[in-house]
Amino acid sequence: MKEQQQVLQLLGLAVGARKLITGEELVVKEIRKNAKLVIISSDASENTMKKIQDKCKFYNVELHVFGTRYDLGHATGKETRVVLAITDDGFAKKLSGLLNEINRG
């Protein structure tokens, strides 16, 4: 539970630092350029999930399924967000560690 809270707080910090991209089309563009880590909500549509998984696999970008669209939206100061891309190495490394810890637990 503590790790989940930390992930949401880090996402908020990444927004403030302008190191986070939201929105399916913008994230797909960012995956092609320089996304370091992509987070997709567990309640994303099958089409969106497949599209993002395929792009991440092709461009070798780390992908995590985390939270709901409401969790991600709340963390980023919006109503709902389905997919997020982190563009900063530091944020990506910390988030990756926390998300891997959650998945192991």
Protein backbone atom coordinates (compact mmCIF):
# COMPACT_ATOMS: atom_id res chain seq x y z
CA MET A 1 0.00 0.00 0.00
CA LYS A 2 2.81 2.38 0.90
CA GLU A 3 4.49 1.85 -2.50
CA GLN A 4 1.24 2.62 -4.33
CA GLN A 5 0.97 5.93 -2.50
CA GLN A 6 4.59 6.73 -3.37
CA VAL A 7 3.94 5.99 -7.06
CA LEU A 8 0.97 8.36 -7.09
CA GLN A 9 2.98 11.09 -5.33
CA LEU A 10 5.87 10.67 -7.77
CA LEU A 11 3.48 10.99 -10.70
CA GLY A 12 2.28 14.28 -9.21
CA LEU A 13 5.88 15.50 -8.90
CA ALA A 14 6.59 14.45 -12.49
CA VAL A 15 3.62 16.54 -13.67
CA GLY A 16 4.98 19.55 -11.80
CA ALA A 17 8.40 19.01 -13.35
CA ARG A 18 6.83 18.65 -16.81
CA LYS A 19 8.34 15.18 -17.22
CA LEU A 20 5.04 13.37 -17.76
CA ILE A 21 2.96 13.06 -20.95
CA THR A 22 -0.70 11.97 -20.89
CA GLY A 23 -3.17 11.01 -23.57
CA GLU A 24 -3.00 8.02 -25.88
CA GLU A 25 -1.83 9.76 -29.08
CA LEU A 26 0.75 11.94 -27.32
CA VAL A 27 2.10 8.94 -25.41
CA VAL A 28 2.42 6.87 -28.63
CA LYS A 29 4.39 9.76 -30.17
CA GLU A 30 6.56 9.98 -27.05
CA ILE A 31 7.24 6.21 -27.07
CA ARG A 32 8.73 6.67 -30.56
CA LYS A 33 10.93 9.53 -29.37
CA ASN A 34 12.15 9.32 -25.79
CA ALA A 35 9.71 7.84 -23.28
CA LYS A 36 11.59 6.10 -20.48
CA LEU A 37 8.61 4.39 -18.83
CA VAL A 38 4.92 3.99 -19.68
CA ILE A 39 2.11 3.36 -17.20
CA ILE A 40 -1.31 2.20 -18.38
CA SER A 41 -4.38 1.86 -16.16
CA SER A 42 -5.73 -1.60 -15.42
CA ASP A 43 -9.13 -0.56 -16.79
CA ALA A 44 -7.87 0.58 -20.21
CA SER A 45 -9.75 -0.78 -23.22
CA GLU A 46 -8.38 -3.90 -24.92
CA ASN A 47 -7.54 -1.90 -28.06
CA THR A 48 -5.62 0.75 -26.12
CA MET A 49 -3.84 -1.90 -24.03
CA LYS A 50 -2.72 -3.83 -27.15
CA LYS A 51 -1.65 -0.68 -29.02
CA ILE A 52 0.47 0.57 -26.11
CA GLN A 53 1.93 -2.89 -25.37
CA ASP A 54 2.91 -3.36 -29.02
CA LYS A 55 4.52 0.10 -29.27
CA CYS A 56 6.43 -0.35 -26.01
CA LYS A 57 7.69 -3.77 -27.07
CA PHE A 58 8.78 -2.51 -30.50
CA TYR A 59 10.58 0.57 -29.14
CA ASN A 60 11.88 -1.28 -26.05
CA VAL A 61 10.15 0.98 -23.50
CA GLU A 62 9.33 -0.36 -20.03
CA LEU A 63 5.57 -0.75 -19.49
CA HIS A 64 3.62 -1.18 -16.26
CA VAL A 65 -0.08 -1.69 -15.60
CA PHE A 66 -1.01 0.27 -12.49
CA GLY A 67 -4.13 1.63 -10.82
CA THR A 68 -7.34 2.74 -12.48
CA ARG A 69 -7.95 5.63 -14.84
CA TYR A 70 -9.27 7.55 -11.81
CA ASP A 71 -6.12 6.85 -9.73
CA LEU A 72 -3.87 8.05 -12.55
CA GLY A 73 -6.08 11.05 -13.25
CA HIS A 74 -6.18 12.08 -9.60
CA ALA A 75 -2.39 11.74 -9.28
CA THR A 76 -1.86 13.99 -12.30
CA GLY A 77 -4.44 16.59 -11.33
CA LYS A 78 -6.92 15.60 -14.05
CA GLU A 79 -10.23 13.76 -13.91
CA THR A 80 -9.17 10.53 -15.64
CA ARG A 81 -6.04 9.36 -17.42
CA VAL A 82 -5.58 5.96 -19.05
CA VAL A 83 -1.96 6.11 -20.18
CA LEU A 84 1.09 8.10 -19.01
CA ALA A 85 4.65 8.37 -20.31
CA ILE A 86 7.60 9.45 -18.16
CA THR A 87 10.31 11.33 -20.07
CA ASP A 88 12.91 11.67 -17.31
CA ASP A 89 15.47 9.02 -16.34
CA GLY A 90 15.36 9.80 -12.62
CA PHE A 91 11.58 9.61 -12.31
CA ALA A 92 11.49 6.51 -14.53
CA LYS A 93 14.09 4.69 -12.43
CA LYS A 94 12.35 5.43 -9.13
CA LEU A 95 8.88 4.58 -10.48
CA SER A 96 10.20 1.38 -12.06
CA GLY A 97 11.63 0.25 -8.72
CA LEU A 98 8.37 0.96 -6.88
CA LEU A 99 6.18 -0.64 -9.56
CA ASN A 100 8.37 -3.76 -9.66
CA GLU A 101 8.12 -3.96 -5.86
CA ILE A 102 4.30 -3.75 -6.06
CA ASN A 103 4.19 -6.47 -8.73
CA ARG A 104 6.41 -8.76 -6.63
CA GLY A 105 4.30 -8.22 -3.50
